[in-house]
């Protein structure tokens, strides 16, 4: 899934529109849980070198809240990186370049929303 596909998906599933919070970073989009108002997803375009990736230029990513127990396994899969600019124990970065499985990404978006919503009690201790 690409950036626009994710934006459309989040709106369709949760009725949540992205917020552009930083004028210096107009392509960064934050998505909040409609009940708790906490962030559950952040889309950014980041220089590949800052992510430890080969090549020049930027790549779109999404940061998602995630159970720490799943992060280690996800990091072994293509398209997943330690969280960029977020707590690496509770967030994960997913490349939006088509390398991550689309259905798995959708599942992670739902999971992130539920964690922030409080439906997943183990993350809210």
PDB file of N, CA and C in Angstrom:
ATOM      1  N   UNK A   1       0.845  -1.186   0.000  1.00  0.00           N
ATOM      2  CA  UNK A   1       0.000   0.000   0.000  1.00  0.00           C
ATOM      3  C   UNK A   1       0.882   1.237   0.000  1.00  0.00           C
ATOM      4  N   UNK A   2       0.409   2.243  -0.689  1.00  0.00           N
ATOM      5  CA  UNK A   2       1.151   3.500  -0.726  1.00  0.00           C
ATOM      6  C   UNK A   2       0.505   4.520   0.216  1.00  0.00           C
ATOM      7  N   UNK A   3       1.105   5.689   0.279  1.00  0.00           N
ATOM      8  CA  UNK A   3       0.653   6.759   1.172  1.00  0.00           C
ATOM      9  C   UNK A   3      -0.841   7.047   1.011  1.00  0.00           C
ATOM     10  N   UNK A   4      -1.276   7.328  -0.206  1.00  0.00           N
ATOM     11  CA  UNK A   4      -2.677   7.697  -0.411  1.00  0.00           C
ATOM     12  C   UNK A   4      -3.606   6.525  -0.105  1.00  0.00           C
ATOM     13  N   UNK A   5      -3.177   5.326  -0.430  1.00  0.00           N
ATOM     14  CA  UNK A   5      -3.976   4.150  -0.106  1.00  0.00           C
ATOM     15  C   UNK A   5      -4.191   4.007   1.395  1.00  0.00           C
ATOM     16  N   UNK A   6      -3.162   4.283   2.183  1.00  0.00           N
ATOM     17  CA  UNK A   6      -3.259   4.221   3.645  1.00  0.00           C
ATOM     18  C   UNK A   6      -4.191   5.315   4.162  1.00  0.00           C
ATOM     19  N   UNK A   7      -4.025   6.523   3.649  1.00  0.00           N
ATOM     20  CA  UNK A   7      -4.882   7.642   4.077  1.00  0.00           C
ATOM     21  C   UNK A   7      -6.346   7.310   3.813  1.00  0.00           C
ATOM     22  N   UNK A   8      -6.623   6.821   2.623  1.00  0.00           N
ATOM     23  CA  UNK A   8      -7.995   6.457   2.257  1.00  0.00           C
ATOM     24  C   UNK A   8      -8.511   5.319   3.134  1.00  0.00           C
ATOM     25  N   UNK A   9      -7.665   4.340   3.377  1.00  0.00           N
ATOM     26  CA  UNK A   9      -8.064   3.185   4.186  1.00  0.00           C
ATOM     27  C   UNK A   9      -8.413   3.618   5.613  1.00  0.00           C
ATOM     28  N   UNK A  10      -7.566   4.427   6.227  1.00  0.00           N
ATOM     29  CA  UNK A  10      -7.811   4.884   7.596  1.00  0.00           C
ATOM     30  C   UNK A  10      -9.114   5.671   7.671  1.00  0.00           C
ATOM     31  N   UNK A  11      -9.358   6.532   6.700  1.00  0.00           N
ATOM     32  CA  UNK A  11     -10.603   7.307   6.708  1.00  0.00           C
ATOM     33  C   UNK A  11     -11.811   6.382   6.572  1.00  0.00           C
ATOM     34  N   UNK A  12     -11.719   5.420   5.661  1.00  0.00           N
ATOM     35  CA  UNK A  12     -12.829   4.488   5.423  1.00  0.00           C
ATOM     36  C   UNK A  12     -13.110   3.639   6.662  1.00  0.00           C
ATOM     37  N   UNK A  13     -12.074   3.151   7.295  1.00  0.00           N
ATOM     38  CA  UNK A  13     -12.241   2.251   8.435  1.00  0.00           C
ATOM     39  C   UNK A  13     -12.609   2.945   9.739  1.00  0.00           C
ATOM     40  N   UNK A  14     -12.037   4.138   9.969  1.00  0.00           N
ATOM     41  CA  UNK A  14     -12.188   4.781  11.270  1.00  0.00           C
ATOM     42  C   UNK A  14     -12.830   6.172  11.200  1.00  0.00           C
ATOM     43  N   UNK A  15     -13.040   6.682   9.997  1.00  0.00           N
ATOM     44  CA  UNK A  15     -13.596   8.025   9.858  1.00  0.00           C
ATOM     45  C   UNK A  15     -12.643   9.105  10.340  1.00  0.00           C
ATOM     46  N   UNK A  16     -11.371   8.781  10.355  1.00  0.00           N
ATOM     47  CA  UNK A  16     -10.347   9.679  10.882  1.00  0.00           C
ATOM     48  C   UNK A  16      -9.588  10.349   9.744  1.00  0.00           C
ATOM     49  N   UNK A  17      -9.546  11.668   9.796  1.00  0.00           N
ATOM     50  CA  UNK A  17      -8.756  12.411   8.815  1.00  0.00           C
ATOM     51  C   UNK A  17      -7.404  12.747   9.428  1.00  0.00           C
ATOM     52  N   UNK A  18      -6.390  12.752   8.588  1.00  0.00           N
ATOM     53  CA  UNK A  18      -5.052  13.067   9.057  1.00  0.00           C
ATOM     54  C   UNK A  18      -4.897  14.541   9.386  1.00  0.00           C
ATOM     55  N   UNK A  19      -4.003  14.797  10.318  1.00  0.00           N
ATOM     56  CA  UNK A  19      -3.681  16.165  10.716  1.00  0.00           C
ATOM     57  C   UNK A  19      -2.255  16.489  10.300  1.00  0.00           C
ATOM     58  N   UNK A  20      -2.067  17.665   9.783  1.00  0.00           N
ATOM     59  CA  UNK A  20      -0.734  18.165   9.422  1.00  0.00           C
ATOM     60  C   UNK A  20      -0.309  19.119  10.533  1.00  0.00           C
ATOM     61  N   UNK A  21       0.469  18.614  11.470  1.00  0.00           N
ATOM     62  CA  UNK A  21       0.786  19.375  12.681  1.00  0.00           C
ATOM     63  C   UNK A  21       2.013  20.272  12.565  1.00  0.00           C
ATOM     64  N   UNK A  22       2.876  20.006  11.605  1.00  0.00           N
ATOM     65  CA  UNK A  22       4.138  20.741  11.540  1.00  0.00           C
ATOM     66  C   UNK A  22       4.274  21.446  10.201  1.00  0.00           C
ATOM     67  N   UNK A  23       4.329  22.771  10.224  1.00  0.00           N
ATOM     68  CA  UNK A  23       4.448  23.534   8.974  1.00  0.00           C
ATOM     69  C   UNK A  23       5.752  23.234   8.260  1.00  0.00           C
ATOM     70  N   UNK A  24       6.795  22.907   9.007  1.00  0.00           N
ATOM     71  CA  UNK A  24       8.083  22.584   8.410  1.00  0.00           C
ATOM     72  C   UNK A  24       8.119  21.208   7.753  1.00  0.00           C
ATOM     73  N   UNK A  25       7.115  20.407   8.043  1.00  0.00           N
ATOM     74  CA  UNK A  25       7.024  19.050   7.489  1.00  0.00           C
ATOM     75  C   UNK A  25       5.606  18.818   6.974  1.00  0.00           C
ATOM     76  N   UNK A  26       5.262  19.456   5.873  1.00  0.00           N
ATOM     77  CA  UNK A  26       3.874  19.406   5.386  1.00  0.00           C
ATOM     78  C   UNK A  26       3.411  18.021   4.936  1.00  0.00           C
ATOM     79  N   UNK A  27       4.348  17.099   4.684  1.00  0.00           N
ATOM     80  CA  UNK A  27       3.969  15.764   4.247  1.00  0.00           C
ATOM     81  C   UNK A  27       3.817  14.779   5.404  1.00  0.00           C
ATOM     82  N   UNK A  28       4.034  15.240   6.627  1.00  0.00           N
ATOM     83  CA  UNK A  28       3.837  14.394   7.799  1.00  0.00           C
ATOM     84  C   UNK A  28       2.368  14.463   8.190  1.00  0.00           C
ATOM     85  N   UNK A  29       1.754  13.302   8.408  1.00  0.00           N
ATOM     86  CA  UNK A  29       0.336  13.245   8.734  1.00  0.00           C
ATOM     87  C   UNK A  29       0.137  12.379   9.973  1.00  0.00           C
ATOM     88  N   UNK A  30      -0.543  12.930  10.964  1.00  0.00           N
ATOM     89  CA  UNK A  30      -0.833  12.215  12.204  1.00  0.00           C
ATOM     90  C   UNK A  30      -2.296  11.796  12.201  1.00  0.00           C
ATOM     91  N   UNK A  31      -2.546  10.577  12.648  1.00  0.00           N
ATOM     92  CA  UNK A  31      -3.912  10.067  12.782  1.00  0.00           C
ATOM     93  C   UNK A  31      -4.164   9.763  14.254  1.00  0.00           C
ATOM     94  N   UNK A  32      -5.290  10.263  14.739  1.00  0.00           N
ATOM     95  CA  UNK A  32      -5.649  10.080  16.147  1.00  0.00           C
ATOM     96  C   UNK A  32      -6.856   9.154  16.282  1.00  0.00           C
ATOM     97  N   UNK A  33      -6.859   8.417  17.359  1.00  0.00           N
ATOM     98  CA  UNK A  33      -8.032   7.629  17.711  1.00  0.00           C
ATOM     99  C   UNK A  33      -9.160   8.608  18.044  1.00  0.00           C
ATOM    100  N   UNK A  34     -10.334   8.380  17.491  1.00  0.00           N
ATOM    101  CA  UNK A  34     -11.438   9.334  17.657  1.00  0.00           C
ATOM    102  C   UNK A  34     -11.931   9.432  19.102  1.00  0.00           C
ATOM    103  N   UNK A  35     -11.725   8.390  19.899  1.00  0.00           N
ATOM    104  CA  UNK A  35     -12.178   8.426  21.297  1.00  0.00           C
ATOM    105  C   UNK A  35     -11.120   9.017  22.224  1.00  0.00           C
ATOM    106  N   UNK A  36      -9.927   8.466  22.173  1.00  0.00           N
ATOM    107  CA  UNK A  36      -8.876   8.874  23.116  1.00  0.00           C
ATOM    108  C   UNK A  36      -8.111  10.112  22.650  1.00  0.00           C
ATOM    109  N   UNK A  37      -8.184  10.391  21.359  1.00  0.00           N
ATOM    110  CA  UNK A  37      -7.443  11.503  20.744  1.00  0.00           C
ATOM    111  C   UNK A  37      -5.934  11.282  20.734  1.00  0.00           C
ATOM    112  N   UNK A  38      -5.499  10.080  21.050  1.00  0.00           N
ATOM    113  CA  UNK A  38      -4.077   9.746  21.012  1.00  0.00           C
ATOM    114  C   UNK A  38      -3.702   9.295  19.607  1.00  0.00           C
ATOM    115  N   UNK A  39      -2.441   9.487  19.268  1.00  0.00           N
ATOM    116  CA  UNK A  39      -1.930   9.089  17.956  1.00  0.00           C
ATOM    117  C   UNK A  39      -1.912   7.567  17.849  1.00  0.00           C
ATOM    118  N   UNK A  40      -2.328   7.058  16.687  1.00  0.00           N
ATOM    119  CA  UNK A  40      -2.161   5.632  16.430  1.00  0.00           C
ATOM    120  C   UNK A  40      -1.372   5.384  15.153  1.00  0.00           C
ATOM    121  N   UNK A  41      -1.186   6.421  14.336  1.00  0.00           N
ATOM    122  CA  UNK A  41      -0.409   6.270  13.104  1.00  0.00           C
ATOM    123  C   UNK A  41       0.166   7.624  12.691  1.00  0.00           C
ATOM    124  N   UNK A  42       1.357   7.570  12.129  1.00  0.00           N
ATOM    125  CA  UNK A  42       2.011   8.767  11.608  1.00  0.00           C
ATOM    126  C   UNK A  42       2.635   8.394  10.268  1.00  0.00           C
ATOM    127  N   UNK A  43       2.267   9.126   9.237  1.00  0.00           N
ATOM    128  CA  UNK A  43       2.871   8.927   7.919  1.00  0.00           C
ATOM    129  C   UNK A  43       3.898  10.034   7.720  1.00  0.00           C
ATOM    130  N   UNK A  44       5.089   9.642   7.282  1.00  0.00           N
ATOM    131  CA  UNK A  44       6.176  10.606   7.055  1.00  0.00           C
ATOM    132  C   UNK A  44       6.927  10.228   5.788  1.00  0.00           C
ATOM    133  N   UNK A  45       7.636  11.190   5.245  1.00  0.00           N
ATOM    134  CA  UNK A  45       8.604  10.898   4.181  1.00  0.00           C
ATOM    135  C   UNK A  45       9.980  11.216   4.746  1.00  0.00           C
ATOM    136  N   UNK A  46      10.828  10.211   4.764  1.00  0.00           N
ATOM    137  CA  UNK A  46      12.114  10.278   5.456  1.00  0.00           C
ATOM    138  C   UNK A  46      13.236   9.936   4.480  1.00  0.00           C
ATOM    139  N   UNK A  47      14.351  10.628   4.640  1.00  0.00           N
ATOM    140  CA  UNK A  47      15.542  10.299   3.852  1.00  0.00           C
ATOM    141  C   UNK A  47      15.929   8.848   4.114  1.00  0.00           C
ATOM    142  N   UNK A  48      16.183   8.125   3.054  1.00  0.00           N
ATOM    143  CA  UNK A  48      16.549   6.712   3.193  1.00  0.00           C
ATOM    144  C   UNK A  48      17.742   6.520   4.119  1.00  0.00           C
ATOM    145  N   UNK A  49      18.712   7.407   4.032  1.00  0.00           N
ATOM    146  CA  UNK A  49      19.914   7.277   4.852  1.00  0.00           C
ATOM    147  C   UNK A  49      19.602   7.334   6.351  1.00  0.00           C
ATOM    148  N   UNK A  50      18.575   8.073   6.743  1.00  0.00           N
ATOM    149  CA  UNK A  50      18.201   8.170   8.156  1.00  0.00           C
ATOM    150  C   UNK A  50      17.590   6.867   8.663  1.00  0.00           C
ATOM    151  N   UNK A  51      17.132   6.042   7.750  1.00  0.00           N
ATOM    152  CA  UNK A  51      16.532   4.761   8.109  1.00  0.00           C
ATOM    153  C   UNK A  51      17.502   3.604   7.932  1.00  0.00           C
ATOM    154  N   UNK A  52      18.724   3.922   7.483  1.00  0.00           N
ATOM    155  CA  UNK A  52      19.723   2.891   7.234  1.00  0.00           C
ATOM    156  C   UNK A  52      19.505   2.158   5.923  1.00  0.00           C
ATOM    157  N   UNK A  53      18.753   2.772   5.011  1.00  0.00           N
ATOM    158  CA  UNK A  53      18.464   2.145   3.720  1.00  0.00           C
ATOM    159  C   UNK A  53      19.447   2.615   2.657  1.00  0.00           C
ATOM    160  N   UNK A  54      19.645   1.795   1.659  1.00  0.00           N
ATOM    161  CA  UNK A  54      20.518   2.128   0.541  1.00  0.00           C
ATOM    162  C   UNK A  54      19.810   3.111  -0.391  1.00  0.00           C
ATOM    163  N   UNK A  55      20.596   3.892  -1.099  1.00  0.00           N
ATOM    164  CA  UNK A  55      20.054   4.802  -2.102  1.00  0.00           C
ATOM    165  C   UNK A  55      19.847   6.199  -1.569  1.00  0.00           C
ATOM    166  N   UNK A  56      19.468   7.051  -2.492  1.00  0.00           N
ATOM    167  CA  UNK A  56      19.251   8.455  -2.153  1.00  0.00           C
ATOM    168  C   UNK A  56      17.775   8.760  -2.227  1.00  0.00           C
ATOM    169  N   UNK A  57      17.417   9.899  -1.666  1.00  0.00           N
ATOM    170  CA  UNK A  57      16.032  10.333  -1.724  1.00  0.00           C
ATOM    171  C   UNK A  57      15.243   9.905  -0.492  1.00  0.00           C
ATOM    172  N   UNK A  58      13.959  10.163  -0.562  1.00  0.00           N
ATOM    173  CA  UNK A  58      13.067   9.883   0.554  1.00  0.00           C
ATOM    174  C   UNK A  58      12.185   8.680   0.258  1.00  0.00           C
ATOM    175  N   UNK A  59      11.670   8.106   1.333  1.00  0.00           N
ATOM    176  CA  UNK A  59      10.725   6.998   1.234  1.00  0.00           C
ATOM    177  C   UNK A  59       9.583   7.294   2.206  1.00  0.00           C
ATOM    178  N   UNK A  60       8.357   6.960   1.800  1.00  0.00           N
ATOM    179  CA  UNK A  60       7.209   7.108   2.691  1.00  0.00           C
ATOM    180  C   UNK A  60       7.204   5.956   3.682  1.00  0.00           C
ATOM    181  N   UNK A  61       6.891   6.299   4.939  1.00  0.00           N
ATOM    182  CA  UNK A  61       6.791   5.302   6.003  1.00  0.00           C
ATOM    183  C   UNK A  61       5.537   5.588   6.820  1.00  0.00           C
ATOM    184  N   UNK A  62       5.132   4.590   7.587  1.00  0.00           N
ATOM    185  CA  UNK A  62       4.097   4.785   8.596  1.00  0.00           C
ATOM    186  C   UNK A  62       4.611   4.206   9.898  1.00  0.00           C
ATOM    187  N   UNK A  63       4.464   4.959  10.977  1.00  0.00           N
ATOM    188  CA  UNK A  63       4.767   4.471  12.312  1.00  0.00           C
ATOM    189  C   UNK A  63       3.454   4.058  12.948  1.00  0.00           C
ATOM    190  N   UNK A  64       3.449   2.863  13.556  1.00  0.00           N
ATOM    191  CA  UNK A  64       2.249   2.324  14.186  1.00  0.00           C
ATOM    192  C   UNK A  64       2.575   1.841  15.592  1.00  0.00           C
ATOM    193  N   UNK A  65       1.643   2.047  16.500  1.00  0.00           N
ATOM    194  CA  UNK A  65       1.766   1.498  17.849  1.00  0.00           C
ATOM    195  C   UNK A  65       1.675  -0.022  17.733  1.00  0.00           C
ATOM    196  N   UNK A  66       2.487  -0.723  18.516  1.00  0.00           N
ATOM    197  CA  UNK A  66       2.542  -2.183  18.379  1.00  0.00           C
ATOM    198  C   UNK A  66       2.920  -2.812  19.716  1.00  0.00           C
ATOM    199  N   UNK A  67       2.395  -3.989  19.962  1.00  0.00           N
ATOM    200  CA  UNK A  67       2.782  -4.754  21.148  1.00  0.00           C
ATOM    201  C   UNK A  67       4.276  -5.075  21.066  1.00  0.00           C
ATOM    202  N   UNK A  68       5.018  -4.846  22.132  1.00  0.00           N
ATOM    203  CA  UNK A  68       6.451  -5.148  22.116  1.00  0.00           C
ATOM    204  C   UNK A  68       6.763  -6.601  21.735  1.00  0.00           C
ATOM    205  N   UNK A  69       5.908  -7.521  22.118  1.00  0.00           N
ATOM    206  CA  UNK A  69       6.150  -8.937  21.829  1.00  0.00           C
ATOM    207  C   UNK A  69       6.163  -9.238  20.326  1.00  0.00           C
ATOM    208  N   UNK A  70       5.483  -8.421  19.519  1.00  0.00           N
ATOM    209  CA  UNK A  70       5.426  -8.649  18.081  1.00  0.00           C
ATOM    210  C   UNK A  70       6.530  -7.929  17.305  1.00  0.00           C
ATOM    211  N   UNK A  71       7.102  -6.925  17.890  1.00  0.00           N
ATOM    212  CA  UNK A  71       8.065  -6.087  17.157  1.00  0.00           C
ATOM    213  C   UNK A  71       9.262  -6.895  16.676  1.00  0.00           C
ATOM    214  N   UNK A  72       9.826  -7.737  17.518  1.00  0.00           N
ATOM    215  CA  UNK A  72      10.989  -8.534  17.124  1.00  0.00           C
ATOM    216  C   UNK A  72      10.717  -9.392  15.901  1.00  0.00           C
ATOM    217  N   UNK A  73       9.567 -10.032  15.871  1.00  0.00           N
ATOM    218  CA  UNK A  73       9.201 -10.870  14.723  1.00  0.00           C
ATOM    219  C   UNK A  73       8.988 -10.035  13.475  1.00  0.00           C
ATOM    220  N   UNK A  74       8.313  -8.913  13.635  1.00  0.00           N
ATOM    221  CA  UNK A  74       8.048  -8.052  12.476  1.00  0.00           C
ATOM    222  C   UNK A  74       9.337  -7.525  11.864  1.00  0.00           C
ATOM    223  N   UNK A  75      10.305  -7.220  12.711  1.00  0.00           N
ATOM    224  CA  UNK A  75      11.568  -6.674  12.214  1.00  0.00           C
ATOM    225  C   UNK A  75      12.340  -7.668  11.349  1.00  0.00           C
ATOM    226  N   UNK A  76      11.986  -8.928  11.430  1.00  0.00           N
ATOM    227  CA  UNK A  76      12.616  -9.949  10.592  1.00  0.00           C
ATOM    228  C   UNK A  76      11.982 -10.013   9.209  1.00  0.00           C
ATOM    229  N   UNK A  77      10.863  -9.324   9.026  1.00  0.00           N
ATOM    230  CA  UNK A  77      10.135  -9.341   7.756  1.00  0.00           C
ATOM    231  C   UNK A  77      10.509  -8.142   6.896  1.00  0.00           C
ATOM    232  N   UNK A  78      10.413  -8.336   5.615  1.00  0.00           N
ATOM    233  CA  UNK A  78      10.718  -7.265   4.671  1.00  0.00           C
ATOM    234  C   UNK A  78       9.727  -6.113   4.840  1.00  0.00           C
ATOM    235  N   UNK A  79      10.268  -4.900   4.849  1.00  0.00           N
ATOM    236  CA  UNK A  79       9.429  -3.708   4.918  1.00  0.00           C
ATOM    237  C   UNK A  79       9.234  -3.144   6.309  1.00  0.00           C
ATOM    238  N   UNK A  80       9.816  -3.786   7.321  1.00  0.00           N
ATOM    239  CA  UNK A  80       9.651  -3.343   8.708  1.00  0.00           C
ATOM    240  C   UNK A  80      10.993  -2.884   9.264  1.00  0.00           C
ATOM    241  N   UNK A  81      10.948  -1.787  10.012  1.00  0.00           N
ATOM    242  CA  UNK A  81      12.150  -1.206  10.609  1.00  0.00           C
ATOM    243  C   UNK A  81      11.857  -0.792  12.048  1.00  0.00           C
ATOM    244  N   UNK A  82      12.915  -0.632  12.858  1.00  0.00           N
ATOM    245  CA  UNK A  82      12.686  -0.060  14.189  1.00  0.00           C
ATOM    246  C   UNK A  82      12.007   1.301  14.032  1.00  0.00           C
ATOM    247  N   UNK A  83      11.173   1.640  14.971  1.00  0.00           N
ATOM    248  CA  UNK A  83      10.394   2.879  14.878  1.00  0.00           C
ATOM    249  C   UNK A  83      11.287   4.093  14.657  1.00  0.00           C
ATOM    250  N   UNK A  84      10.918   4.889  13.674  1.00  0.00           N
ATOM    251  CA  UNK A  84      11.643   6.122  13.409  1.00  0.00           C
ATOM    252  C   UNK A  84      11.052   7.218  14.276  1.00  0.00           C
ATOM    253  N   UNK A  85      11.884   7.814  15.093  1.00  0.00           N
ATOM    254  CA  UNK A  85      11.537   8.992  15.897  1.00  0.00           C
ATOM    255  C   UNK A  85      10.421   8.714  16.915  1.00  0.00           C
ATOM    256  N   UNK A  86      10.215   7.448  17.256  1.00  0.00           N
ATOM    257  CA  UNK A  86       9.223   7.078  18.264  1.00  0.00           C
ATOM    258  C   UNK A  86       9.866   6.035  19.177  1.00  0.00           C
ATOM    259  N   UNK A  87       9.191   5.710  20.271  1.00  0.00           N
ATOM    260  CA  UNK A  87       9.659   4.707  21.206  1.00  0.00           C
ATOM    261  C   UNK A  87       9.753   3.357  20.501  1.00  0.00           C
ATOM    262  N   UNK A  88      10.940   2.831  20.410  1.00  0.00           N
ATOM    263  CA  UNK A  88      11.171   1.599  19.653  1.00  0.00           C
ATOM    264  C   UNK A  88      10.629   0.356  20.354  1.00  0.00           C
ATOM    265  N   UNK A  89      10.231   0.481  21.601  1.00  0.00           N
ATOM    266  CA  UNK A  89       9.653  -0.654  22.313  1.00  0.00           C
ATOM    267  C   UNK A  89       8.158  -0.790  22.037  1.00  0.00           C
ATOM    268  N   UNK A  90       7.501   0.304  21.647  1.00  0.00           N
ATOM    269  CA  UNK A  90       6.046   0.293  21.487  1.00  0.00           C
ATOM    270  C   UNK A  90       5.564   0.740  20.112  1.00  0.00           C
ATOM    271  N   UNK A  91       6.477   1.057  19.218  1.00  0.00           N
ATOM    272  CA  UNK A  91       6.119   1.501  17.872  1.00  0.00           C
ATOM    273  C   UNK A  91       6.987   0.772  16.855  1.00  0.00           C
ATOM    274  N   UNK A  92       6.480   0.671  15.649  1.00  0.00           N
ATOM    275  CA  UNK A  92       7.240   0.067  14.555  1.00  0.00           C
ATOM    276  C   UNK A  92       7.042   0.914  13.301  1.00  0.00           C
ATOM    277  N   UNK A  93       8.062   0.938  12.454  1.00  0.00           N
ATOM    278  CA  UNK A  93       7.985   1.644  11.176  1.00  0.00           C
ATOM    279  C   UNK A  93       7.759   0.629  10.067  1.00  0.00           C
ATOM    280  N   UNK A  94       6.843   0.971   9.168  1.00  0.00           N
ATOM    281  CA  UNK A  94       6.571   0.132   8.004  1.00  0.00           C
ATOM    282  C   UNK A  94       6.822   0.971   6.757  1.00  0.00           C
ATOM    283  N   UNK A  95       7.620   0.435   5.846  1.00  0.00           N
ATOM    284  CA  UNK A  95       7.871   1.122   4.578  1.00  0.00           C
ATOM    285  C   UNK A  95       6.612   1.065   3.716  1.00  0.00           C
ATOM    286  N   UNK A  96       6.291   2.187   3.085  1.00  0.00           N
ATOM    287  CA  UNK A  96       5.125   2.239   2.191  1.00  0.00           C
ATOM    288  C   UNK A  96       5.590   2.192   0.737  1.00  0.00           C
ATOM    289  N   UNK A  97       6.485   1.255   0.480  1.00  0.00           N
ATOM    290  CA  UNK A  97       7.043   1.101  -0.866  1.00  0.00           C
ATOM    291  C   UNK A  97       6.577  -0.194  -1.526  1.00  0.00           C
ATOM    292  N   UNK A  98       5.597  -0.856  -0.910  1.00  0.00           N
ATOM    293  CA  UNK A  98       5.091  -2.102  -1.448  1.00  0.00           C
ATOM    294  C   UNK A  98       5.801  -3.338  -0.928  1.00  0.00           C
ATOM    295  N   UNK A  99       6.829  -3.168  -0.104  1.00  0.00           N
ATOM    296  CA  UNK A  99       7.583  -4.329   0.374  1.00  0.00           C
ATOM    297  C   UNK A  99       6.873  -5.072   1.502  1.00  0.00           C
ATOM    298  N   UNK A 100       6.045  -4.383   2.277  1.00  0.00           N
ATOM    299  CA  UNK A 100       5.299  -5.038   3.352  1.00  0.00           C
ATOM    300  C   UNK A 100       3.977  -5.574   2.805  1.00  0.00           C
ATOM    301  N   UNK A 101       3.545  -6.687   3.339  1.00  0.00           N
ATOM    302  CA  UNK A 101       2.292  -7.301   2.936  1.00  0.00           C
ATOM    303  C   UNK A 101       1.128  -6.366   3.252  1.00  0.00           C
ATOM    304  N   UNK A 102       0.287  -6.091   2.261  1.00  0.00           N
ATOM    305  CA  UNK A 102      -0.807  -5.119   2.410  1.00  0.00           C
ATOM    306  C   UNK A 102      -1.822  -5.542   3.469  1.00  0.00           C
ATOM    307  N   UNK A 103      -2.199  -6.807   3.488  1.00  0.00           N
ATOM    308  CA  UNK A 103      -3.184  -7.245   4.487  1.00  0.00           C
ATOM    309  C   UNK A 103      -2.601  -7.182   5.893  1.00  0.00           C
ATOM    310  N   UNK A 104      -1.342  -7.556   6.026  1.00  0.00           N
ATOM    311  CA  UNK A 104      -0.689  -7.479   7.324  1.00  0.00           C
ATOM    312  C   UNK A 104      -0.620  -6.023   7.794  1.00  0.00           C
ATOM    313  N   UNK A 105      -0.342  -5.105   6.888  1.00  0.00           N
ATOM    314  CA  UNK A 105      -0.302  -3.687   7.220  1.00  0.00           C
ATOM    315  C   UNK A 105      -1.678  -3.208   7.688  1.00  0.00           C
ATOM    316  N   UNK A 106      -2.732  -3.605   6.996  1.00  0.00           N
ATOM    317  CA  UNK A 106      -4.090  -3.235   7.413  1.00  0.00           C
ATOM    318  C   UNK A 106      -4.386  -3.772   8.812  1.00  0.00           C
ATOM    319  N   UNK A 107      -3.981  -5.012   9.066  1.00  0.00           N
ATOM    320  CA  UNK A 107      -4.188  -5.606  10.390  1.00  0.00           C
ATOM    321  C   UNK A 107      -3.436  -4.817  11.464  1.00  0.00           C
ATOM    322  N   UNK A 108      -2.218  -4.399  11.153  1.00  0.00           N
ATOM    323  CA  UNK A 108      -1.426  -3.625  12.117  1.00  0.00           C
ATOM    324  C   UNK A 108      -2.046  -2.252  12.383  1.00  0.00           C
ATOM    325  N   UNK A 109      -2.634  -1.652  11.360  1.00  0.00           N
ATOM    326  CA  UNK A 109      -3.319  -0.364  11.547  1.00  0.00           C
ATOM    327  C   UNK A 109      -4.488  -0.550  12.517  1.00  0.00           C
ATOM    328  N   UNK A 110      -5.274  -1.597  12.316  1.00  0.00           N
ATOM    329  CA  UNK A 110      -6.393  -1.878  13.226  1.00  0.00           C
ATOM    330  C   UNK A 110      -5.888  -2.155  14.636  1.00  0.00           C
ATOM    331  N   UNK A 111      -4.835  -2.932  14.737  1.00  0.00           N
ATOM    332  CA  UNK A 111      -4.264  -3.269  16.030  1.00  0.00           C
ATOM    333  C   UNK A 111      -3.783  -2.008  16.748  1.00  0.00           C
ATOM    334  N   UNK A 112      -3.117  -1.116  16.017  1.00  0.00           N
ATOM    335  CA  UNK A 112      -2.639   0.137  16.588  1.00  0.00           C
ATOM    336  C   UNK A 112      -3.804   0.979  17.098  1.00  0.00           C
ATOM    337  N   UNK A 113      -4.860   1.058  16.312  1.00  0.00           N
ATOM    338  CA  UNK A 113      -6.050   1.820  16.710  1.00  0.00           C
ATOM    339  C   UNK A 113      -6.654   1.237  17.985  1.00  0.00           C
ATOM    340  N   UNK A 114      -6.722  -0.085  18.068  1.00  0.00           N
ATOM    341  CA  UNK A 114      -7.303  -0.736  19.238  1.00  0.00           C
ATOM    342  C   UNK A 114      -6.445  -0.549  20.486  1.00  0.00           C
ATOM    343  N   UNK A 115      -5.130  -0.585  20.311  1.00  0.00           N
ATOM    344  CA  UNK A 115      -4.240  -0.359  21.452  1.00  0.00           C
ATOM    345  C   UNK A 115      -4.500   1.022  22.035  1.00  0.00           C
ATOM    346  N   UNK A 116      -4.575   2.016  21.170  1.00  0.00           N
ATOM    347  CA  UNK A 116      -4.795   3.387  21.614  1.00  0.00           C
ATOM    348  C   UNK A 116      -6.206   3.563  22.169  1.00  0.00           C
ATOM    349  N   UNK A 117      -7.156   2.799  21.639  1.00  0.00           N
ATOM    350  CA  UNK A 117      -8.549   2.869  22.084  1.00  0.00           C
ATOM    351  C   UNK A 117      -8.733   2.240  23.454  1.00  0.00           C
ATOM    352  N   UNK A 118      -7.768   1.447  23.881  1.00  0.00           N
ATOM    353  CA  UNK A 118      -7.858   0.788  25.168  1.00  0.00           C
ATOM    354  C   UNK A 118      -8.460  -0.598  25.100  1.00  0.00           C
ATOM    355  N   UNK A 119      -8.743  -1.087  23.887  1.00  0.00           N
ATOM    356  CA  UNK A 119      -9.319  -2.428  23.754  1.00  0.00           C
ATOM    357  C   UNK A 119      -8.278  -3.502  24.020  1.00  0.00           C
ATOM    358  N   UNK A 120      -7.015  -3.161  23.836  1.00  0.00           N
ATOM    359  CA  UNK A 120      -5.940  -4.108  24.113  1.00  0.00           C
ATOM    360  C   UNK A 120      -5.328  -3.705  25.438  1.00  0.00           C
ATOM    361  N   UNK A 121      -5.744  -4.339  26.505  1.00  0.00           N
ATOM    362  CA  UNK A 121      -5.399  -3.927  27.869  1.00  0.00           C
ATOM    363  C   UNK A 121      -3.929  -4.099  28.205  1.00  0.00           C
ATOM    364  N   UNK A 122      -3.231  -5.048  27.574  1.00  0.00           N
ATOM    365  CA  UNK A 122      -1.841  -5.288  27.960  1.00  0.00           C
ATOM    366  C   UNK A 122      -0.932  -4.109  27.613  1.00  0.00           C
ATOM    367  N   UNK A 123      -1.286  -3.316  26.606  1.00  0.00           N
ATOM    368  CA  UNK A 123      -0.463  -2.158  26.244  1.00  0.00           C
ATOM    369  C   UNK A 123      -0.791  -0.939  27.084  1.00  0.00           C
ATOM    370  N   UNK A 124      -1.855  -0.987  27.836  1.00  0.00           N
ATOM    371  CA  UNK A 124      -2.305   0.196  28.570  1.00  0.00           C
ATOM    372  C   UNK A 124      -2.054   0.081  30.073  1.00  0.00           C
ATOM    373  N   UNK A 125      -1.144  -0.760  30.467  1.00  0.00           N
ATOM    374  CA  UNK A 125      -0.828  -0.912  31.883  1.00  0.00           C
ATOM    375  C   UNK A 125       0.032   0.236  32.326  1.00  0.00           C
TER     376      UNK A 125
END
